[in-house]
Amino acid sequence: MTIYVMSHKKFDYNLPSGYVPMLLGATDKKIPGGYVSDSNGNNISYKNKNYCELTGLYEIWKNYNDEFVGLAHYRRYFWNHDVKSRFVLYALIMLKGDIKARPVAEQELRRMLKKYDWIVPTPEIQMGRNLWSHYEKHHYIEDLEITREVIADISPEYLVSFDKVLKHNNRMAPFNMFYTRKEQLDNYCEWLFSILFELEKRVDISQYDFFQSRIYGFISEELFNVWIDKNSQLKVKYLTVYNTHLQSRGAIVRRIRERGRVK
């Protein structure tokens, strides 16, 4: 019963019981004490620069047998206060002052699974007419077009949900974060990686810069929402995600000054 915390480096954060840090892209790295890695057994650790946290997801899928399993990031966790959106959370911080958020206890997440199949981040509005136009603004839209072609070829029953989620909707659950039963995860990963591995064969990313080369991590965020929509029989619990480095007015103001937005 574990929430694996994805990180590309050693980090300093007091994790609750049930949370285990996983070092990503760990093929040629020294694994810190208390960490697991994405480079054991059947793994794709060497693809980390293109797959982001998905190399950790693949590791969990192929090499772990926890009855319940989750994925978080070293600076992002589920909060036990649902304020519907992290942007609402930022507004509350600006109005009321600093907070001291902590990750939801693993026992509490497990209790939620008595009623739900998946716990995922609260869907958030993405700027643009829909998710398709939002992706086009920040990435190469041809990659999403080819993704649709792959789904049409190997998983056509998902096309309706793909078009609905990407072209007629501007909200998505971000970050590839979740908590669920391993059997649910296995079903999702079988579908997800079959699409991504085929997409790899059809897309030339040899000229992509560092940011755009993270293509499969970006696309998987969209596809997770497609999976949830298609499998509408699933009971989904949404929780607010908080950032460990954005819990004060000063931190939020600095982030806005640096980037023009809080993300």
Protein backbone atom coordinates (compact mmCIF):
# COMPACT_ATOMS: atom_id res chain seq x y z
CA MET A 1 0.00 0.00 0.00
CA THR A 2 2.25 2.71 -1.31
CA ILE A 3 2.27 6.16 -2.88
CA TYR A 4 5.42 6.44 -4.98
CA VAL A 5 6.80 9.98 -5.08
CA MET A 6 8.47 10.71 -8.41
CA SER A 7 11.70 12.71 -8.42
CA HIS A 8 14.76 13.13 -10.63
CA LYS A 9 16.91 13.98 -7.60
CA LYS A 10 17.17 13.56 -3.86
CA PHE A 11 14.80 15.94 -2.10
CA ASP A 12 14.16 17.04 1.46
CA TYR A 13 10.51 16.67 2.50
CA ASN A 14 9.06 14.86 5.49
CA LEU A 15 6.91 12.20 3.82
CA PRO A 16 4.09 10.50 5.75
CA SER A 17 3.97 6.76 6.28
CA GLY A 18 3.18 4.90 3.06
CA TYR A 19 4.95 7.42 0.82
CA VAL A 20 8.16 6.20 -0.85
CA PRO A 21 10.43 8.38 -3.06
CA MET A 22 11.32 6.92 -6.47
CA LEU A 23 14.36 8.20 -8.36
CA LEU A 24 13.66 8.60 -12.08
CA GLY A 25 16.09 8.21 -14.95
CA ALA A 26 18.11 6.20 -12.47
CA THR A 27 20.01 3.91 -14.86
CA ASP A 28 23.34 5.68 -14.24
CA LYS A 29 22.55 7.36 -10.93
CA LYS A 30 23.40 6.48 -7.36
CA ILE A 31 20.18 5.61 -5.53
CA PRO A 32 19.88 7.50 -2.22
CA GLY A 33 19.10 5.54 0.92
CA GLY A 34 15.36 5.04 1.41
CA TYR A 35 14.63 5.52 -2.29
CA VAL A 36 13.49 3.01 -4.89
CA SER A 37 14.23 3.58 -8.57
CA ASP A 38 12.66 3.26 -12.01
CA SER A 39 15.54 1.09 -13.24
CA ASN A 40 14.71 -2.35 -11.81
CA GLY A 41 13.59 -5.44 -13.70
CA ASN A 42 11.55 -4.70 -16.82
CA ASN A 43 11.96 -0.93 -17.09
CA ILE A 44 12.14 2.10 -19.41
CA SER A 45 14.30 4.27 -17.16
CA TYR A 46 16.47 5.24 -20.14
CA LYS A 47 13.46 6.93 -21.74
CA ASN A 48 12.94 9.32 -18.81
CA LYS A 49 13.81 12.52 -20.72
CA ASN A 50 10.89 11.75 -23.07
CA TYR A 51 8.50 9.97 -20.68
CA CYS A 52 8.93 12.03 -17.47
CA GLU A 53 7.13 10.41 -14.52
CA LEU A 54 5.87 7.64 -16.79
CA THR A 55 9.15 5.74 -16.36
CA GLY A 56 8.17 5.49 -12.71
CA LEU A 57 4.63 4.50 -13.64
CA TYR A 58 5.99 1.76 -15.88
CA GLU A 59 8.21 0.53 -13.03
CA ILE A 60 5.20 0.31 -10.71
CA TRP A 61 3.16 -1.49 -13.35
CA LYS A 62 5.77 -4.09 -14.24
CA ASN A 63 7.65 -4.66 -11.00
CA TYR A 64 5.41 -3.96 -8.00
CA ASN A 65 2.43 -5.84 -6.60
CA ASP A 66 0.98 -3.44 -4.02
CA GLU A 67 -2.74 -4.00 -3.55
CA PHE A 68 -3.24 -0.23 -3.53
CA VAL A 69 -0.88 2.12 -5.32
CA GLY A 70 -0.46 5.82 -5.99
CA LEU A 71 1.74 8.33 -7.77
CA ALA A 72 2.70 11.80 -6.55
CA HIS A 73 5.51 14.25 -7.35
CA TYR A 74 8.25 15.47 -5.05
CA ARG A 75 6.67 18.95 -5.04
CA ARG A 76 3.01 17.98 -5.65
CA TYR A 77 0.67 16.02 -3.38
CA PHE A 78 -3.03 15.47 -2.78
CA TRP A 79 -4.36 17.70 -0.01
CA ASN A 80 -6.97 16.52 2.47
CA HIS A 81 -8.96 19.75 2.04
CA ASP A 82 -10.84 19.80 -1.25
CA VAL A 83 -11.08 23.41 -2.42
CA LYS A 84 -11.91 22.29 -5.98
CA SER A 85 -8.81 23.79 -7.61
CA ARG A 86 -5.22 24.64 -6.72
CA PHE A 87 -5.91 28.11 -8.19
CA VAL A 88 -8.67 28.57 -5.61
CA LEU A 89 -6.10 27.44 -3.06
CA TYR A 90 -3.67 30.13 -4.27
CA ALA A 91 -6.43 32.73 -4.00
CA LEU A 92 -7.17 31.63 -0.43
CA ILE A 93 -3.49 31.93 0.45
CA MET A 94 -3.37 35.45 -0.99
CA LEU A 95 -6.45 36.41 1.03
CA LYS A 96 -5.85 34.61 4.31
CA GLY A 97 -2.13 34.03 4.50
CA ASP A 98 0.24 31.11 4.55
CA ILE A 99 -0.85 27.48 4.88
CA LYS A 100 0.89 24.34 6.10
CA ALA A 101 -0.52 21.70 3.79
CA ARG A 102 0.44 18.06 4.22
CA PRO A 103 -0.13 15.06 1.95
CA VAL A 104 -3.29 13.06 2.54
CA ALA A 105 -2.52 10.11 4.80
CA GLU A 106 -2.23 6.83 2.92
CA GLN A 107 -4.81 5.28 5.25
CA GLU A 108 -7.29 8.02 4.31
CA LEU A 109 -6.72 7.46 0.59
CA ARG A 110 -7.25 3.73 1.09
CA ARG A 111 -10.47 4.43 2.99
CA MET A 112 -11.72 6.49 0.02
CA LEU A 113 -11.25 3.47 -2.25
CA LYS A 114 -14.05 1.71 -0.39
CA LYS A 115 -16.35 4.03 -2.34
CA TYR A 116 -14.25 4.99 -5.37
CA ASP A 117 -12.13 3.31 -8.05
CA TRP A 118 -9.70 6.17 -8.66
CA ILE A 119 -8.55 9.26 -6.78
CA VAL A 120 -7.23 11.89 -9.19
CA PRO A 121 -6.54 15.64 -9.27
CA THR A 122 -9.51 17.95 -9.57
CA PRO A 123 -9.97 18.85 -13.26
CA GLU A 124 -8.80 22.38 -13.98
CA ILE A 125 -9.62 24.80 -16.76
CA GLN A 126 -6.87 25.08 -19.37
CA MET A 127 -6.62 28.35 -21.24
CA GLY A 128 -8.04 28.05 -24.74
CA ARG A 129 -11.24 26.98 -26.46
CA ASN A 130 -10.52 23.33 -25.67
CA LEU A 131 -7.69 21.00 -24.71
CA TRP A 132 -6.75 20.60 -28.37
CA SER A 133 -6.12 24.32 -28.82
CA HIS A 134 -4.37 24.46 -25.45
CA TYR A 135 -1.97 21.72 -26.55
CA GLU A 136 -1.41 23.47 -29.87
CA LYS A 137 -0.42 26.66 -28.04
CA HIS A 138 2.35 24.96 -26.05
CA HIS A 139 3.43 21.94 -28.12
CA TYR A 140 3.41 20.50 -31.65
CA ILE A 141 -0.16 19.74 -32.61
CA GLU A 142 1.02 17.21 -35.20
CA ASP A 143 1.95 14.93 -32.31
CA LEU A 144 -1.62 14.98 -31.04
CA GLU A 145 -2.93 14.37 -34.55
CA ILE A 146 -0.71 11.30 -34.85
CA THR A 147 -1.87 10.16 -31.42
CA ARG A 148 -5.42 10.20 -32.72
CA GLU A 149 -4.34 8.11 -35.71
CA VAL A 150 -2.72 5.58 -33.37
CA ILE A 151 -5.90 5.30 -31.31
CA ALA A 152 -7.94 4.88 -34.48
CA ASP A 153 -5.67 2.00 -35.50
CA ILE A 154 -5.22 0.08 -32.25
CA SER A 155 -7.96 1.26 -29.87
CA PRO A 156 -10.79 2.73 -32.00
CA GLU A 157 -13.38 2.31 -29.26
CA TYR A 158 -11.67 5.29 -27.55
CA LEU A 159 -12.01 7.71 -30.47
CA VAL A 160 -15.33 9.18 -29.34
CA SER A 161 -13.92 9.92 -25.88
CA PHE A 162 -10.68 11.25 -27.40
CA ASP A 163 -12.57 13.79 -29.52
CA LYS A 164 -14.94 14.66 -26.70
CA VAL A 165 -12.18 15.28 -24.16
CA LEU A 166 -9.70 17.01 -26.49
CA LYS A 167 -11.95 18.94 -28.86
CA HIS A 168 -15.11 19.70 -26.88
CA ASN A 169 -13.79 20.36 -23.40
CA ASN A 170 -11.25 22.63 -21.71
CA ARG A 171 -10.85 20.92 -18.34
CA MET A 172 -8.46 18.15 -17.39
CA ALA A 173 -7.09 16.33 -14.36
CA PRO A 174 -3.35 17.14 -14.61
CA PHE A 175 0.00 15.69 -13.49
CA ASN A 176 -0.63 11.94 -14.01
CA MET A 177 -1.28 11.71 -10.27
CA PHE A 178 -3.59 9.07 -8.82
CA TYR A 179 -4.36 6.54 -6.12
CA THR A 180 -6.10 3.28 -7.06
CA ARG A 181 -6.05 -0.51 -6.86
CA LYS A 182 -3.27 -2.28 -8.72
CA GLU A 183 -5.73 -4.13 -10.97
CA GLN A 184 -7.14 -0.79 -12.12
CA LEU A 185 -3.63 0.51 -12.75
CA ASP A 186 -2.71 -2.58 -14.77
CA ASN A 187 -5.69 -2.10 -17.09
CA TYR A 188 -4.87 1.56 -17.63
CA CYS A 189 -1.15 1.01 -18.22
CA GLU A 190 -1.75 -1.77 -20.73
CA TRP A 191 -3.83 0.67 -22.77
CA LEU A 192 -1.63 3.74 -22.26
CA PHE A 193 1.75 2.24 -23.07
CA SER A 194 0.46 0.36 -26.11
CA ILE A 195 -0.50 3.76 -27.55
CA LEU A 196 2.67 5.57 -26.52
CA PHE A 197 5.03 2.88 -27.78
CA GLU A 198 3.28 2.91 -31.15
CA LEU A 199 3.36 6.70 -31.18
CA GLU A 200 7.11 6.55 -30.63
CA LYS A 201 7.46 4.66 -33.91
CA ARG A 202 5.57 7.33 -35.85
CA VAL A 203 6.90 10.62 -34.41
CA ASP A 204 10.35 12.06 -35.13
CA ILE A 205 11.51 14.03 -32.09
CA SER A 206 15.19 14.14 -33.00
CA GLN A 207 15.09 17.94 -33.42
CA TYR A 208 12.95 18.69 -30.35
CA ASP A 209 14.41 20.87 -27.60
CA PHE A 210 14.58 19.68 -23.98
CA PHE A 211 11.06 20.87 -23.17
CA GLN A 212 9.29 19.48 -26.23
CA SER A 213 11.18 16.20 -26.00
CA ARG A 214 9.03 15.42 -22.94
CA ILE A 215 6.29 14.65 -25.45
CA TYR A 216 5.05 11.34 -24.02
CA GLY A 217 4.64 12.78 -20.55
CA PHE A 218 2.59 15.65 -21.96
CA ILE A 219 0.39 13.46 -24.15
CA SER A 220 -0.23 10.97 -21.36
CA GLU A 221 -1.88 13.69 -19.26
CA GLU A 222 -4.42 14.14 -22.03
CA LEU A 223 -4.85 10.38 -22.46
CA PHE A 224 -5.50 9.78 -18.77
CA ASN A 225 -8.54 12.01 -19.07
CA VAL A 226 -9.63 10.12 -22.17
CA TRP A 227 -9.37 6.85 -20.24
CA ILE A 228 -11.50 8.20 -17.38
CA ASP A 229 -14.14 9.48 -19.78
CA LYS A 230 -14.38 6.24 -21.78
CA ASN A 231 -14.59 4.11 -18.64
CA SER A 232 -17.52 6.06 -17.26
CA GLN A 233 -18.53 3.18 -14.99
CA LEU A 234 -15.54 4.03 -12.80
CA LYS A 235 -16.23 5.96 -9.63
CA VAL A 236 -13.76 8.83 -9.40
CA LYS A 237 -12.91 10.95 -6.37
CA TYR A 238 -11.30 14.32 -7.12
CA LEU A 239 -8.88 15.98 -4.70
CA THR A 240 -7.04 19.31 -4.77
CA VAL A 241 -3.31 19.16 -5.49
CA TYR A 242 -0.95 21.50 -3.65
CA ASN A 243 2.65 22.50 -4.40
CA THR A 244 5.10 22.33 -1.51
CA HIS A 245 6.91 25.46 -2.73
CA LEU A 246 3.72 27.56 -3.13
CA GLN A 247 2.24 27.79 0.34
CA SER A 248 2.82 31.47 1.10
CA ARG A 249 1.85 34.84 -0.33
CA GLY A 250 5.48 35.67 -1.00
CA ALA A 251 6.10 32.45 -2.94
CA ILE A 252 3.04 32.97 -5.12
CA VAL A 253 3.92 36.59 -5.85
CA ARG A 254 7.47 35.61 -6.80
CA ARG A 255 6.18 32.86 -9.12
CA ILE A 256 3.85 35.30 -10.89
CA ARG A 257 6.67 37.82 -11.33
CA GLU A 258 8.97 35.16 -12.74
CA ARG A 259 6.54 33.42 -15.08
CA GLY A 260 3.51 35.64 -15.39
CA ARG A 261 1.37 32.83 -13.96
CA VAL A 262 1.17 30.32 -11.14
CA LYS A 263 1.55 26.72 -12.26
